[in-house]
Amino acid sequence: MFFKPKPKPEMKKAIELVGEAIEIAYKHLRDKKYQPTESDLKLFERLGEELWHKHCTAKYIARNMGQRFRGEPEGAKKFTDKEVFDWHYPP
């Protein structure tokens, strides 16, 4: 009998932390009396940029974990699949 492994608790915590970060930002949005300063606006922009960069990294990790799960070589297809038109490894 095989059981599907559960996600490690650290991953659940990471997802919760992202949610907490957004909730902190939303508290500012919901407070209609809050007037941001110029430095506050820069921090909101930075939050968006950081989340975008982290999103891209998380998608990369998720793709590699999916490939590992399926027993495929990890990485972009252009580096791992000869059938892709821009394959980078020598013949």
C-alpha atoms as a PDB file:
ATOM      1  CA  MET A   1       0.000   0.000   0.000  1.00  0.00           C
ATOM      2  CA  PHE A   2       1.368   3.391  -1.014  1.00  0.00           C
ATOM      3  CA  PHE A   3       0.470   6.738   0.428  1.00  0.00           C
ATOM      4  CA  LYS A   4       1.007  10.032  -1.323  1.00  0.00           C
ATOM      5  CA  PRO A   5       3.533  12.044   0.693  1.00  0.00           C
ATOM      6  CA  LYS A   6       2.133  15.143   2.326  1.00  0.00           C
ATOM      7  CA  PRO A   7       3.808  18.507   1.669  1.00  0.00           C
ATOM      8  CA  LYS A   8       6.471  19.303   4.202  1.00  0.00           C
ATOM      9  CA  PRO A   9       5.197  21.615   6.953  1.00  0.00           C
ATOM     10  CA  GLU A  10       7.793  24.218   5.968  1.00  0.00           C
ATOM     11  CA  MET A  11       6.074  24.631   2.604  1.00  0.00           C
ATOM     12  CA  LYS A  12       2.720  25.211   4.267  1.00  0.00           C
ATOM     13  CA  LYS A  13       4.371  27.821   6.477  1.00  0.00           C
ATOM     14  CA  ALA A  14       5.897  29.538   3.430  1.00  0.00           C
ATOM     15  CA  ILE A  15       2.462  29.798   1.819  1.00  0.00           C
ATOM     16  CA  GLU A  16       1.015  31.215   5.044  1.00  0.00           C
ATOM     17  CA  LEU A  17       3.791  33.831   5.208  1.00  0.00           C
ATOM     18  CA  VAL A  18       2.989  35.058   1.704  1.00  0.00           C
ATOM     19  CA  GLY A  19      -0.644  35.377   2.766  1.00  0.00           C
ATOM     20  CA  GLU A  20       0.398  37.314   5.854  1.00  0.00           C
ATOM     21  CA  ALA A  21       2.442  39.738   3.746  1.00  0.00           C
ATOM     22  CA  ILE A  22      -0.555  40.470   1.531  1.00  0.00           C
ATOM     23  CA  GLU A  23      -2.831  40.819   4.547  1.00  0.00           C
ATOM     24  CA  ILE A  24      -0.477  43.439   6.019  1.00  0.00           C
ATOM     25  CA  ALA A  25      -0.656  45.424   2.774  1.00  0.00           C
ATOM     26  CA  TYR A  26      -4.446  45.061   2.623  1.00  0.00           C
ATOM     27  CA  LYS A  27      -4.786  46.517   6.120  1.00  0.00           C
ATOM     28  CA  HIS A  28      -3.364  49.749   4.733  1.00  0.00           C
ATOM     29  CA  LEU A  29      -5.775  49.658   1.802  1.00  0.00           C
ATOM     30  CA  ARG A  30      -8.820  49.093   4.028  1.00  0.00           C
ATOM     31  CA  ASP A  31      -7.898  51.968   6.345  1.00  0.00           C
ATOM     32  CA  LYS A  32      -9.514  54.860   4.508  1.00  0.00           C
ATOM     33  CA  LYS A  33      -7.882  57.364   6.880  1.00  0.00           C
ATOM     34  CA  TYR A  34      -4.373  56.157   6.045  1.00  0.00           C
ATOM     35  CA  GLN A  35      -2.472  58.555   3.784  1.00  0.00           C
ATOM     36  CA  PRO A  36       0.761  57.005   2.489  1.00  0.00           C
ATOM     37  CA  THR A  37       3.965  58.970   2.296  1.00  0.00           C
ATOM     38  CA  GLU A  38       6.341  58.883  -0.639  1.00  0.00           C
ATOM     39  CA  SER A  39       8.533  56.354   1.173  1.00  0.00           C
ATOM     40  CA  ASP A  40       5.436  54.241   1.906  1.00  0.00           C
ATOM     41  CA  LEU A  41       4.588  54.213  -1.800  1.00  0.00           C
ATOM     42  CA  LYS A  42       8.105  53.025  -2.573  1.00  0.00           C
ATOM     43  CA  LEU A  43       7.643  50.198  -0.067  1.00  0.00           C
ATOM     44  CA  PHE A  44       4.339  49.156  -1.679  1.00  0.00           C
ATOM     45  CA  GLU A  45       6.067  49.131  -5.076  1.00  0.00           C
ATOM     46  CA  ARG A  46       8.935  47.139  -3.629  1.00  0.00           C
ATOM     47  CA  LEU A  47       6.487  44.607  -2.156  1.00  0.00           C
ATOM     48  CA  GLY A  48       4.937  44.120  -5.576  1.00  0.00           C
ATOM     49  CA  GLU A  49       8.328  43.716  -7.234  1.00  0.00           C
ATOM     50  CA  GLU A  50       9.584  41.325  -4.569  1.00  0.00           C
ATOM     51  CA  LEU A  51       6.446  39.202  -4.806  1.00  0.00           C
ATOM     52  CA  TRP A  52       6.775  39.087  -8.600  1.00  0.00           C
ATOM     53  CA  HIS A  53      10.407  37.972  -8.417  1.00  0.00           C
ATOM     54  CA  LYS A  54       9.574  35.409  -5.762  1.00  0.00           C
ATOM     55  CA  HIS A  55       6.617  34.233  -7.866  1.00  0.00           C
ATOM     56  CA  CYS A  56       8.948  33.572 -10.799  1.00  0.00           C
ATOM     57  CA  THR A  57      11.364  31.655  -8.593  1.00  0.00           C
ATOM     58  CA  ALA A  58       8.542  29.647  -7.023  1.00  0.00           C
ATOM     59  CA  LYS A  59       7.223  28.684 -10.481  1.00  0.00           C
ATOM     60  CA  TYR A  60      10.746  27.569 -11.465  1.00  0.00           C
ATOM     61  CA  ILE A  61      10.994  25.416  -8.330  1.00  0.00           C
ATOM     62  CA  ALA A  62       7.507  23.985  -8.895  1.00  0.00           C
ATOM     63  CA  ARG A  63       8.357  23.093 -12.510  1.00  0.00           C
ATOM     64  CA  ASN A  64      11.568  21.343 -11.468  1.00  0.00           C
ATOM     65  CA  MET A  65       9.796  19.471  -8.676  1.00  0.00           C
ATOM     66  CA  GLY A  66       7.153  18.332 -11.175  1.00  0.00           C
ATOM     67  CA  GLN A  67       9.865  17.115 -13.526  1.00  0.00           C
ATOM     68  CA  ARG A  68      11.603  15.321 -10.663  1.00  0.00           C
ATOM     69  CA  PHE A  69       8.305  13.704  -9.655  1.00  0.00           C
ATOM     70  CA  ARG A  70       7.794  12.425 -13.207  1.00  0.00           C
ATOM     71  CA  GLY A  71      11.409  11.198 -13.463  1.00  0.00           C
ATOM     72  CA  GLU A  72      12.284  13.749 -16.153  1.00  0.00           C
ATOM     73  CA  PRO A  73      15.491  15.803 -16.360  1.00  0.00           C
ATOM     74  CA  GLU A  74      15.096  19.009 -14.396  1.00  0.00           C
ATOM     75  CA  GLY A  75      15.241  22.347 -16.164  1.00  0.00           C
ATOM     76  CA  ALA A  76      13.908  24.185 -19.174  1.00  0.00           C
ATOM     77  CA  LYS A  77      13.041  21.992 -22.152  1.00  0.00           C
ATOM     78  CA  LYS A  78      15.533  23.893 -24.314  1.00  0.00           C
ATOM     79  CA  PHE A  79      18.258  22.417 -22.120  1.00  0.00           C
ATOM     80  CA  THR A  80      16.798  18.937 -21.639  1.00  0.00           C
ATOM     81  CA  ASP A  81      14.835  18.025 -24.765  1.00  0.00           C
ATOM     82  CA  LYS A  82      16.481  17.543 -28.176  1.00  0.00           C
ATOM     83  CA  GLU A  83      13.074  17.905 -29.859  1.00  0.00           C
ATOM     84  CA  VAL A  84      12.838  21.581 -28.852  1.00  0.00           C
ATOM     85  CA  PHE A  85      13.988  23.922 -31.631  1.00  0.00           C
ATOM     86  CA  ASP A  86      16.496  25.897 -29.518  1.00  0.00           C
ATOM     87  CA  TRP A  87      18.106  22.933 -27.755  1.00  0.00           C
ATOM     88  CA  HIS A  88      21.449  24.091 -26.304  1.00  0.00           C
ATOM     89  CA  TYR A  89      23.554  20.988 -25.778  1.00  0.00           C
ATOM     90  CA  PRO A  90      26.004  19.860 -28.475  1.00  0.00           C
ATOM     91  CA  PRO A  91      24.982  16.832 -30.568  1.00  0.00           C
END
